[in-house]
Amino acid sequence: RMAVARLLLGCEGVAGVRNDLVVRLAVGTSSAWRPHVVLYFPGDVQSTRDEMLRSTTGSVKYAEEYCLESTATLLSLEYPGAHVVIIKPAVYDGSFNNYGQLLTPGLGAASLQALLACASDRLHLEGTERLDTLPLVILAFSKGALLLNHIVAEFATLMTPETQTILDWELEDKQGAWSLPYYEESMHIARSRTPATVLRAPAVRAAAESLLARSRALHWLDCHRFPTADRVTECLAATAVNIFVHGTPRQLCDQGRDWIRCEHDLFVSKLRQHHRVPCNCHPAGVGALSNTSSESPLLHERPYFMDDPPSLRKHFEVLHCFQTSCTAGLRKL
């Protein structure tokens, strides 16, 4: 098996969802790490090397170092023994990414599970090597938070049987605390008032629950949006998944986008209300739909370059230096 990133075109999700994937399979096995999948949601600017080199914007200067193929290699170094799967957003205009149908309420988590299954079939992976059966570490970089927030809201919906609609991850009543500009893409995503029956259809529910059950850690990597709805943060805190929130001045100190720091702080504050910090990493059952242990999973806050001015370069450099500090049960005993 060669250690190269492969582009898989037109992988199938559910209900007509299709996405290209960049996959870099682990070579052999690691003596220190259990087999797992690192699932990465890119931010703006990032696409395949060829698409970034064809861009007429400033994206071209980041093509070699932060294209999806290079990012897959970078993550394989951070997570030895892991298979790296990158979800390529449906639309890339040379600068901005759009996740398209993956953000349709009820289709996010189930489609991700189906995409991993499709990739496994394409790559002829069988049994315990299949990407749709292995433990998961999910990384959302920058705009990739829109997809991570989306599936977290779907998980919360499944944990809230009384709700009639799919939950929205955004706090509805901000009481004037902050507002978002009209051009912010996430303001135009129809997330609420979708019947929860869409998500509770047996096949969709089973796929979504499988994705959560296998999740060991969720990372918000210098993101610009965070879940703030009460029920969604409460449900997220109740899962046995380790949560990492990484940030740089690019997002947290941008005076022109002060909503980012407001949402970041509220997200962390709400999670803290439900977390007790254990002495050690949660040992077993990490990724279960609910945390029945007497210890709550970990919440990690990781700031970087906070003495530097906001910078797009430092924003990307977080991909080189983000700290996990927790193996989430993936390191062999």
Protein backbone atom coordinates (compact mmCIF):
# COMPACT_ATOMS: atom_id res chain seq x y z
CA ARG A 1 0.00 0.00 0.00
CA MET A 2 1.54 3.31 -1.08
CA ALA A 3 1.47 6.33 1.23
CA VAL A 4 -0.06 8.76 -1.24
CA ALA A 5 -3.18 10.87 -1.15
CA ARG A 6 -5.83 9.72 -3.61
CA LEU A 7 -8.70 11.80 -4.99
CA LEU A 8 -11.94 9.81 -5.11
CA LEU A 9 -14.47 11.57 -7.34
CA GLY A 10 -18.22 11.57 -6.81
CA CYS A 11 -18.50 9.45 -3.69
CA GLU A 12 -22.13 8.87 -2.71
CA GLY A 13 -23.77 10.06 0.49
CA VAL A 14 -27.53 9.77 1.08
CA ALA A 15 -30.45 11.33 -0.79
CA GLY A 16 -28.34 12.34 -3.77
CA VAL A 17 -25.44 13.87 -1.81
CA ARG A 18 -22.15 13.49 -3.67
CA ASN A 19 -18.70 14.67 -2.64
CA ASP A 20 -15.13 14.16 -3.73
CA LEU A 21 -12.81 12.79 -1.05
CA VAL A 22 -9.06 12.96 -0.58
CA VAL A 23 -7.89 9.78 1.16
CA ARG A 24 -4.45 8.90 2.45
CA LEU A 25 -4.37 5.38 3.84
CA ALA A 26 -1.95 4.41 6.57
CA VAL A 27 0.92 2.19 5.51
CA GLY A 28 1.02 -0.95 7.63
CA THR A 29 0.22 -0.64 11.31
CA SER A 30 1.59 1.56 14.06
CA SER A 31 3.24 0.00 17.09
CA ALA A 32 1.83 2.77 19.28
CA TRP A 33 -1.59 3.62 17.83
CA ARG A 34 -4.77 1.67 17.21
CA PRO A 35 -6.17 1.88 13.66
CA HIS A 36 -8.50 4.87 13.28
CA VAL A 37 -9.73 7.48 10.83
CA VAL A 38 -8.97 11.20 10.92
CA LEU A 39 -11.89 12.95 9.21
CA TYR A 40 -11.03 16.51 8.14
CA PHE A 41 -13.38 19.34 7.08
CA PRO A 42 -11.40 22.04 5.21
CA GLY A 43 -11.83 25.79 5.45
CA ASP A 44 -11.86 28.43 2.76
CA VAL A 45 -8.87 28.68 0.38
CA GLN A 46 -8.20 24.93 0.65
CA SER A 47 -8.82 22.65 -2.32
CA THR A 48 -6.84 20.21 -4.42
CA ARG A 49 -3.38 21.32 -5.51
CA ASP A 50 -4.45 21.72 -9.14
CA GLU A 51 -7.49 23.83 -8.29
CA MET A 52 -5.52 26.10 -5.96
CA LEU A 53 -2.74 26.60 -8.55
CA ARG A 54 -5.37 27.61 -11.12
CA SER A 55 -6.86 30.18 -8.75
CA THR A 56 -6.50 33.84 -9.71
CA THR A 57 -6.71 34.91 -6.04
CA GLY A 58 -4.20 34.80 -3.22
CA SER A 59 -5.01 31.14 -2.66
CA VAL A 60 -2.27 30.14 -5.07
CA LYS A 61 0.51 31.02 -2.60
CA TYR A 62 -0.85 28.45 -0.15
CA ALA A 63 -1.30 25.71 -2.76
CA GLU A 64 1.80 23.63 -2.14
CA GLU A 65 1.72 23.71 1.66
CA TYR A 66 -2.00 23.62 2.45
CA CYS A 67 -3.73 21.98 -0.49
CA LEU A 68 -5.83 18.97 0.47
CA GLU A 69 -3.15 16.50 -0.58
CA SER A 70 -0.47 18.22 1.54
CA THR A 71 -2.89 18.54 4.45
CA ALA A 72 -3.55 14.79 4.29
CA THR A 73 0.19 14.14 4.55
CA LEU A 74 0.52 16.63 7.41
CA LEU A 75 -2.29 14.98 9.38
CA SER A 76 -0.84 11.52 8.81
CA LEU A 77 2.28 12.72 10.63
CA GLU A 78 0.21 14.09 13.51
CA TYR A 79 -1.79 10.86 13.75
CA PRO A 80 0.53 7.89 13.07
CA GLY A 81 -1.27 4.80 11.90
CA ALA A 82 -4.43 6.71 10.96
CA HIS A 83 -6.25 6.75 7.66
CA VAL A 84 -6.85 10.38 6.71
CA VAL A 85 -10.09 11.25 4.90
CA ILE A 86 -10.73 14.83 3.75
CA ILE A 87 -14.22 15.91 2.69
CA LYS A 88 -13.81 18.17 -0.34
CA PRO A 89 -16.56 20.83 -0.26
CA ALA A 90 -18.97 20.66 -3.17
CA VAL A 91 -18.14 24.11 -4.57
CA TYR A 92 -14.79 25.95 -4.69
CA ASP A 93 -14.60 29.33 -6.45
CA GLY A 94 -10.87 29.90 -6.10
CA SER A 95 -11.14 31.35 -2.61
CA PHE A 96 -14.31 30.23 -0.85
CA ASN A 97 -15.71 26.78 -0.17
CA ASN A 98 -19.36 25.75 0.03
CA TYR A 99 -20.38 22.42 1.58
CA GLY A 100 -23.64 22.37 -0.34
CA GLN A 101 -26.01 19.47 0.27
CA LEU A 102 -24.00 18.16 3.23
CA LEU A 103 -25.55 21.02 5.22
CA THR A 104 -29.09 19.89 4.45
CA PRO A 105 -30.80 19.18 7.80
CA GLY A 106 -30.93 15.47 8.47
CA LEU A 107 -28.42 14.50 5.77
CA GLY A 108 -25.07 15.52 7.29
CA ALA A 109 -23.99 12.72 9.63
CA ALA A 110 -25.66 9.97 7.61
CA SER A 111 -23.99 11.20 4.42
CA LEU A 112 -20.57 11.28 6.08
CA GLN A 113 -21.06 7.66 7.16
CA ALA A 114 -22.15 6.74 3.63
CA LEU A 115 -19.18 8.58 2.09
CA LEU A 116 -16.78 6.59 4.28
CA ALA A 117 -18.53 3.38 3.20
CA CYS A 118 -18.30 4.40 -0.46
CA ALA A 119 -14.58 5.17 -0.12
CA SER A 120 -14.03 1.79 1.54
CA ASP A 121 -15.71 0.06 -1.41
CA ARG A 122 -13.70 2.06 -3.95
CA LEU A 123 -10.43 1.23 -2.19
CA HIS A 124 -11.37 -2.44 -1.67
CA LEU A 125 -11.09 -2.23 2.11
CA GLU A 126 -12.68 -5.07 4.02
CA GLY A 127 -13.52 -6.09 7.58
CA THR A 128 -11.72 -4.14 10.28
CA GLU A 129 -9.95 -1.99 7.67
CA ARG A 130 -13.16 -0.35 6.46
CA LEU A 131 -13.27 3.40 7.04
CA ASP A 132 -16.95 3.26 8.07
CA THR A 133 -16.19 0.95 11.02
CA LEU A 134 -13.04 2.42 12.60
CA PRO A 135 -12.83 4.94 15.49
CA LEU A 136 -12.95 8.58 14.38
CA VAL A 137 -11.17 11.81 15.19
CA ILE A 138 -13.02 14.70 13.51
CA LEU A 139 -11.17 17.93 12.70
CA ALA A 140 -12.98 21.05 11.47
CA PHE A 141 -10.71 23.85 10.27
CA SER A 142 -12.08 27.40 9.93
CA LYS A 143 -15.25 27.23 7.79
CA GLY A 144 -15.27 23.46 8.28
CA ALA A 145 -17.01 24.32 11.56
CA LEU A 146 -20.26 24.73 9.62
CA LEU A 147 -20.27 21.01 8.91
CA LEU A 148 -19.14 20.00 12.40
CA ASN A 149 -21.76 22.23 14.03
CA HIS A 150 -24.34 20.77 11.69
CA ILE A 151 -23.70 17.15 12.63
CA VAL A 152 -23.46 18.04 16.34
CA ALA A 153 -26.98 19.50 16.07
CA GLU A 154 -28.13 16.28 14.41
CA PHE A 155 -26.61 14.23 17.23
CA ALA A 156 -28.43 16.46 19.75
CA THR A 157 -31.70 15.94 17.87
CA LEU A 158 -31.32 12.17 18.16
CA MET A 159 -30.72 12.59 21.89
CA THR A 160 -33.91 14.69 22.25
CA PRO A 161 -36.84 12.41 21.39
CA GLU A 162 -39.44 15.05 22.27
CA THR A 163 -38.32 17.56 19.63
CA GLN A 164 -40.47 17.71 16.51
CA THR A 165 -37.88 19.52 14.39
CA ILE A 166 -34.14 19.14 13.83
CA LEU A 167 -32.38 21.34 16.36
CA ASP A 168 -30.50 24.46 15.29
CA TRP A 169 -26.96 24.81 16.63
CA GLU A 170 -27.17 28.60 16.83
CA LEU A 171 -28.62 30.39 19.85
CA GLU A 172 -31.83 31.96 18.60
CA ASP A 173 -32.16 34.76 21.15
CA LYS A 174 -28.80 36.48 21.55
CA GLN A 175 -30.40 39.32 23.56
CA GLY A 176 -28.38 41.85 21.61
CA ALA A 177 -25.09 40.26 22.64
CA TRP A 178 -23.81 40.09 19.07
CA SER A 179 -24.98 40.09 15.49
CA LEU A 180 -23.63 38.72 12.25
CA PRO A 181 -23.27 40.59 8.95
CA TYR A 182 -25.59 39.69 6.08
CA TYR A 183 -22.70 38.30 4.01
CA GLU A 184 -21.83 35.62 6.58
CA GLU A 185 -22.61 32.42 4.69
CA SER A 186 -23.92 30.51 7.67
CA MET A 187 -26.73 33.07 8.02
CA HIS A 188 -28.28 31.71 4.84
CA ILE A 189 -28.36 28.01 5.74
CA ALA A 190 -31.86 26.67 6.41
CA ARG A 191 -31.18 24.74 9.61
CA SER A 192 -34.44 24.89 11.54
CA ARG A 193 -38.05 23.80 11.10
CA THR A 194 -37.07 20.60 9.28
CA PRO A 195 -39.16 17.70 10.66
CA ALA A 196 -37.10 15.45 12.91
CA THR A 197 -38.69 12.45 11.18
CA VAL A 198 -36.16 13.01 8.36
CA LEU A 199 -33.33 12.20 10.76
CA ARG A 200 -35.23 9.46 12.57
CA ALA A 201 -35.81 7.33 9.48
CA PRO A 202 -34.24 3.97 10.45
CA ALA A 203 -31.40 3.91 7.90
CA VAL A 204 -30.52 7.58 8.42
CA ARG A 205 -30.65 7.29 12.20
CA ALA A 206 -28.48 4.15 12.21
CA ALA A 207 -25.84 5.83 10.05
CA ALA A 208 -25.78 9.00 12.16
CA GLU A 209 -25.59 7.07 15.42
CA SER A 210 -22.76 4.94 14.06
CA LEU A 211 -20.78 8.08 13.24
CA LEU A 212 -21.18 9.44 16.77
CA ALA A 213 -20.59 6.09 18.46
CA ARG A 214 -17.21 5.84 16.75
CA SER A 215 -16.16 9.45 17.45
CA ARG A 216 -13.35 9.77 19.98
CA ALA A 217 -12.58 13.49 19.67
CA LEU A 218 -13.99 16.60 18.00
CA HIS A 219 -11.67 19.50 17.16
CA TRP A 220 -12.69 23.06 16.34
CA LEU A 221 -9.48 24.30 14.67
CA ASP A 222 -9.44 28.10 14.60
CA CYS A 223 -13.11 28.22 13.60
CA HIS A 224 -15.40 31.21 13.07
CA ARG A 225 -18.70 29.67 14.22
CA PHE A 226 -19.55 27.57 17.29
CA PRO A 227 -22.67 25.82 18.62
CA THR A 228 -24.43 28.09 21.12
CA ALA A 229 -27.98 26.69 21.38
CA ASP A 230 -28.68 25.48 24.91
CA ARG A 231 -29.93 22.00 24.11
CA VAL A 232 -27.20 21.33 21.54
CA THR A 233 -24.37 22.26 23.90
CA GLU A 234 -26.03 20.31 26.71
CA CYS A 235 -26.22 17.18 24.55
CA LEU A 236 -22.68 17.61 23.29
CA ALA A 237 -21.43 17.87 26.86
CA ALA A 238 -23.33 14.67 27.72
CA THR A 239 -21.57 12.60 25.06
CA ALA A 240 -18.38 10.75 25.90
CA VAL A 241 -16.39 12.56 23.23
CA ASN A 242 -13.32 14.64 24.01
CA ILE A 243 -13.71 18.23 22.80
CA PHE A 244 -10.88 20.48 21.61
CA VAL A 245 -11.24 24.19 20.88
CA HIS A 246 -8.16 25.70 19.22
CA GLY A 247 -7.82 29.39 18.33
CA THR A 248 -5.48 32.08 16.99
CA PRO A 249 -5.78 35.88 16.82
CA ARG A 250 -7.02 35.52 13.23
CA GLN A 251 -10.40 34.48 14.63
CA LEU A 252 -10.40 35.41 18.30
CA CYS A 253 -8.97 38.95 18.01
CA ASP A 254 -10.57 40.19 14.80
CA GLN A 255 -12.30 43.44 15.77
CA GLY A 256 -14.24 43.40 12.51
CA ARG A 257 -15.79 40.03 13.39
CA ASP A 258 -16.33 40.30 17.11
CA TRP A 259 -19.12 37.71 17.02
CA ILE A 260 -16.44 35.00 16.72
CA ARG A 261 -15.01 35.65 20.18
CA CYS A 262 -18.53 36.00 21.62
CA GLU A 263 -19.60 32.63 20.23
CA HIS A 264 -16.31 30.98 21.18
CA ASP A 265 -16.55 32.16 24.77
CA LEU A 266 -20.22 31.19 25.10
CA PHE A 267 -19.59 27.75 23.60
CA VAL A 268 -16.73 27.06 26.01
CA SER A 269 -18.68 28.49 28.96
CA LYS A 270 -21.70 26.27 28.30
CA LEU A 271 -19.54 23.18 27.94
CA ARG A 272 -17.75 23.98 31.20
CA GLN A 273 -21.07 24.03 33.01
CA HIS A 274 -21.49 20.35 32.14
CA HIS A 275 -17.89 19.10 32.38
CA ARG A 276 -15.87 17.84 35.29
CA VAL A 277 -12.23 17.52 34.31
CA PRO A 278 -10.93 13.98 34.96
CA CYS A 279 -7.32 13.28 35.87
CA ASN A 280 -6.77 11.02 32.87
CA CYS A 281 -8.14 10.54 29.40
CA HIS A 282 -11.51 8.78 29.36
CA PRO A 283 -10.36 5.14 29.06
CA ALA A 284 -13.13 3.06 27.55
CA GLY A 285 -16.39 3.64 25.78
CA VAL A 286 -15.26 6.99 24.38
CA GLY A 287 -17.64 7.87 21.61
CA ALA A 288 -20.74 6.30 23.13
CA LEU A 289 -23.98 8.16 22.54
CA SER A 290 -24.15 9.13 26.21
CA ASN A 291 -21.58 9.31 28.96
CA THR A 292 -22.57 6.95 31.74
CA SER A 293 -19.22 7.10 33.52
CA SER A 294 -18.84 8.96 36.80
CA GLU A 295 -16.21 11.04 35.01
CA SER A 296 -17.03 13.51 32.28
CA PRO A 297 -14.89 13.66 29.12
CA LEU A 298 -12.29 16.33 28.69
CA LEU A 299 -12.66 19.85 27.35
CA HIS A 300 -9.42 21.28 25.98
CA GLU A 301 -8.86 24.95 25.15
CA ARG A 302 -5.76 25.66 23.10
CA PRO A 303 -4.78 29.24 22.13
CA TYR A 304 -1.82 29.81 19.79
CA PHE A 305 0.24 32.85 18.71
CA MET A 306 -1.80 35.12 20.96
CA ASP A 307 1.03 37.68 21.18
CA ASP A 308 1.02 38.05 17.39
CA PRO A 309 -1.32 40.18 15.27
CA PRO A 310 -4.14 38.42 13.38
CA SER A 311 -2.66 36.68 10.36
CA LEU A 312 -3.87 34.29 7.67
CA ARG A 313 -0.44 32.67 7.73
CA LYS A 314 -0.71 31.95 11.47
CA HIS A 315 -4.26 30.77 10.89
CA PHE A 316 -2.91 28.02 8.63
CA GLU A 317 0.10 27.32 10.83
CA VAL A 318 -2.23 26.00 13.53
CA LEU A 319 -2.43 22.87 11.34
CA HIS A 320 1.26 22.28 12.10
CA CYS A 321 1.18 22.86 15.83
CA PHE A 322 -2.27 22.07 17.23
CA GLN A 323 -1.98 19.99 20.37
CA THR A 324 -4.20 17.02 21.11
CA SER A 325 -2.76 16.30 24.60
CA CYS A 326 -5.21 13.38 24.80
CA THR A 327 -5.06 10.07 22.95
CA ALA A 328 -8.77 9.36 23.45
CA GLY A 329 -8.22 5.65 23.83
CA LEU A 330 -6.41 5.37 20.48
CA ARG A 331 -2.92 4.72 21.84
CA LYS A 332 -2.15 1.07 22.49
CA LEU A 333 -1.61 0.12 26.13
